[in-house]
Amino acid sequence: MVLVSKDINMRIKARALGLPAEDYFNDKTLDDGDLLYTGVLQLPADFWDKHGKTVESWQQGGLTYYRISGADRPAAPDQPVRLPRGAGRARRSTPR
């Protein structure tokens, strides 16, 4: 049995009596940053090979926009998407 509490005085008293005591870590953040959502949808490396024929593209205000039909995983409006490293630059999806 272990005493778990945020109260430092209680933990000190418990240890003085020979009881194991630990701090309660409910406010601790995740240790593994890979589990956190990045907000960016990574496309598979063969994305343009699969969907290159169904792409509509246009330029407006110095930016190039793409509309892709039949994508495996749809992106949310304004969600950045990227290809694996070295395969291209990030783009933002646009609402239809």
C-alpha atoms as a PDB file:
ATOM      1  CA  MET A   1       0.000   0.000   0.000  1.00  0.00           C
ATOM      2  CA  VAL A   2       1.247   3.480  -0.932  1.00  0.00           C
ATOM      3  CA  LEU A   3      -0.054   6.855   0.229  1.00  0.00           C
ATOM      4  CA  VAL A   4      -0.534   9.166  -2.767  1.00  0.00           C
ATOM      5  CA  SER A   5      -1.119  12.835  -1.998  1.00  0.00           C
ATOM      6  CA  LYS A   6      -0.252  16.374  -3.091  1.00  0.00           C
ATOM      7  CA  ASP A   7       0.025  17.321   0.604  1.00  0.00           C
ATOM      8  CA  ILE A   8       3.757  17.421   1.399  1.00  0.00           C
ATOM      9  CA  ASN A   9       3.137  17.468   5.180  1.00  0.00           C
ATOM     10  CA  MET A  10       1.058  14.291   5.000  1.00  0.00           C
ATOM     11  CA  ARG A  11       3.729  12.545   2.920  1.00  0.00           C
ATOM     12  CA  ILE A  12       6.453  13.530   5.412  1.00  0.00           C
ATOM     13  CA  LYS A  13       4.389  12.212   8.349  1.00  0.00           C
ATOM     14  CA  ALA A  14       3.656   8.984   6.466  1.00  0.00           C
ATOM     15  CA  ARG A  15       7.336   8.429   5.740  1.00  0.00           C
ATOM     16  CA  ALA A  16       8.176   9.149   9.386  1.00  0.00           C
ATOM     17  CA  LEU A  17       5.796   6.330  10.319  1.00  0.00           C
ATOM     18  CA  GLY A  18       7.451   4.017   7.776  1.00  0.00           C
ATOM     19  CA  LEU A  19       4.672   4.163   5.156  1.00  0.00           C
ATOM     20  CA  PRO A  20       5.641   4.624   1.502  1.00  0.00           C
ATOM     21  CA  ALA A  21       4.315   7.921   0.132  1.00  0.00           C
ATOM     22  CA  GLU A  22       4.312   9.477  -3.350  1.00  0.00           C
ATOM     23  CA  ASP A  23       3.290  12.775  -4.898  1.00  0.00           C
ATOM     24  CA  TYR A  24       0.171  12.848  -7.068  1.00  0.00           C
ATOM     25  CA  PHE A  25       1.076  13.862 -10.644  1.00  0.00           C
ATOM     26  CA  ASN A  26      -2.248  14.724 -12.298  1.00  0.00           C
ATOM     27  CA  ASP A  27      -0.828  17.903 -13.816  1.00  0.00           C
ATOM     28  CA  LYS A  28       2.147  16.215 -15.458  1.00  0.00           C
ATOM     29  CA  THR A  29       2.401  16.528 -19.229  1.00  0.00           C
ATOM     30  CA  LEU A  30       3.032  13.641 -21.597  1.00  0.00           C
ATOM     31  CA  ASP A  31       6.627  12.456 -21.758  1.00  0.00           C
ATOM     32  CA  ASP A  32       6.277  11.148 -25.276  1.00  0.00           C
ATOM     33  CA  GLY A  33       5.900  14.073 -27.685  1.00  0.00           C
ATOM     34  CA  ASP A  34       5.183  11.660 -30.543  1.00  0.00           C
ATOM     35  CA  LEU A  35       1.716  11.068 -29.070  1.00  0.00           C
ATOM     36  CA  LEU A  36       0.748  14.725 -29.380  1.00  0.00           C
ATOM     37  CA  TYR A  37      -1.189  15.905 -32.415  1.00  0.00           C
ATOM     38  CA  THR A  38       0.991  18.076 -34.644  1.00  0.00           C
ATOM     39  CA  GLY A  39      -1.863  19.653 -36.603  1.00  0.00           C
ATOM     40  CA  VAL A  40      -0.196  18.613 -39.864  1.00  0.00           C
ATOM     41  CA  LEU A  41      -1.401  15.784 -42.084  1.00  0.00           C
ATOM     42  CA  GLN A  42       1.528  13.870 -43.568  1.00  0.00           C
ATOM     43  CA  LEU A  43       0.798  12.531 -47.028  1.00  0.00           C
ATOM     44  CA  PRO A  44       2.241   9.221 -48.238  1.00  0.00           C
ATOM     45  CA  ALA A  45       5.344   9.467 -50.444  1.00  0.00           C
ATOM     46  CA  ASP A  46       3.409   8.164 -53.471  1.00  0.00           C
ATOM     47  CA  PHE A  47       0.562  10.667 -53.039  1.00  0.00           C
ATOM     48  CA  TRP A  48       1.222  12.595 -56.272  1.00  0.00           C
ATOM     49  CA  ASP A  49       1.660   9.347 -58.245  1.00  0.00           C
ATOM     50  CA  LYS A  50      -1.780   8.184 -57.100  1.00  0.00           C
ATOM     51  CA  HIS A  51      -3.687  11.482 -57.283  1.00  0.00           C
ATOM     52  CA  GLY A  52      -1.700  13.607 -59.735  1.00  0.00           C
ATOM     53  CA  LYS A  53      -4.227  13.142 -62.552  1.00  0.00           C
ATOM     54  CA  THR A  54      -7.195  14.382 -60.519  1.00  0.00           C
ATOM     55  CA  VAL A  55      -5.542  17.562 -59.237  1.00  0.00           C
ATOM     56  CA  GLU A  56      -6.906  21.010 -59.982  1.00  0.00           C
ATOM     57  CA  SER A  57      -4.371  23.778 -59.397  1.00  0.00           C
ATOM     58  CA  TRP A  58      -4.480  27.549 -59.681  1.00  0.00           C
ATOM     59  CA  GLN A  59      -2.452  30.537 -58.583  1.00  0.00           C
ATOM     60  CA  GLN A  60      -3.855  33.452 -56.680  1.00  0.00           C
ATOM     61  CA  GLY A  61      -2.031  36.218 -54.855  1.00  0.00           C
ATOM     62  CA  GLY A  62       1.377  34.633 -55.384  1.00  0.00           C
ATOM     63  CA  LEU A  63       0.298  31.286 -53.886  1.00  0.00           C
ATOM     64  CA  THR A  64      -0.473  28.013 -55.622  1.00  0.00           C
ATOM     65  CA  TYR A  65      -3.620  26.174 -54.536  1.00  0.00           C
ATOM     66  CA  TYR A  66      -4.533  22.532 -55.154  1.00  0.00           C
ATOM     67  CA  ARG A  67      -7.881  20.739 -55.055  1.00  0.00           C
ATOM     68  CA  ILE A  68      -7.504  16.972 -54.980  1.00  0.00           C
ATOM     69  CA  SER A  69     -10.402  14.573 -55.542  1.00  0.00           C
ATOM     70  CA  GLY A  70     -10.468  11.045 -54.154  1.00  0.00           C
ATOM     71  CA  ALA A  71      -7.758  11.482 -51.524  1.00  0.00           C
ATOM     72  CA  ASP A  72      -7.369   8.648 -49.029  1.00  0.00           C
ATOM     73  CA  ARG A  73      -7.556  10.868 -45.952  1.00  0.00           C
ATOM     74  CA  PRO A  74      -9.291  14.213 -46.351  1.00  0.00           C
ATOM     75  CA  ALA A  75      -7.696  17.251 -44.747  1.00  0.00           C
ATOM     76  CA  ALA A  76      -9.736  19.740 -42.775  1.00  0.00           C
ATOM     77  CA  PRO A  77     -10.091  23.254 -44.232  1.00  0.00           C
ATOM     78  CA  ASP A  78      -6.875  25.245 -43.686  1.00  0.00           C
ATOM     79  CA  GLN A  79      -5.081  22.194 -42.280  1.00  0.00           C
ATOM     80  CA  PRO A  80      -1.444  22.096 -43.369  1.00  0.00           C
ATOM     81  CA  VAL A  81      -0.435  18.955 -45.256  1.00  0.00           C
ATOM     82  CA  ARG A  82       3.076  17.820 -46.066  1.00  0.00           C
ATOM     83  CA  LEU A  83       4.930  15.197 -47.983  1.00  0.00           C
ATOM     84  CA  PRO A  84       7.705  13.199 -46.300  1.00  0.00           C
ATOM     85  CA  ARG A  85      10.990  15.092 -45.863  1.00  0.00           C
ATOM     86  CA  GLY A  86      12.570  16.067 -49.162  1.00  0.00           C
ATOM     87  CA  ALA A  87       9.474  15.245 -51.226  1.00  0.00           C
ATOM     88  CA  GLY A  88       7.962  18.749 -51.417  1.00  0.00           C
ATOM     89  CA  ARG A  89       6.728  21.837 -49.562  1.00  0.00           C
ATOM     90  CA  ALA A  90       3.799  22.088 -47.161  1.00  0.00           C
ATOM     91  CA  ARG A  91       0.413  23.178 -48.535  1.00  0.00           C
ATOM     92  CA  ARG A  92      -2.877  24.196 -46.923  1.00  0.00           C
ATOM     93  CA  SER A  93      -6.144  22.589 -47.879  1.00  0.00           C
ATOM     94  CA  THR A  94      -8.973  24.885 -48.935  1.00  0.00           C
ATOM     95  CA  PRO A  95     -12.713  24.424 -48.388  1.00  0.00           C
ATOM     96  CA  ARG A  96     -14.658  23.274 -51.422  1.00  0.00           C
END
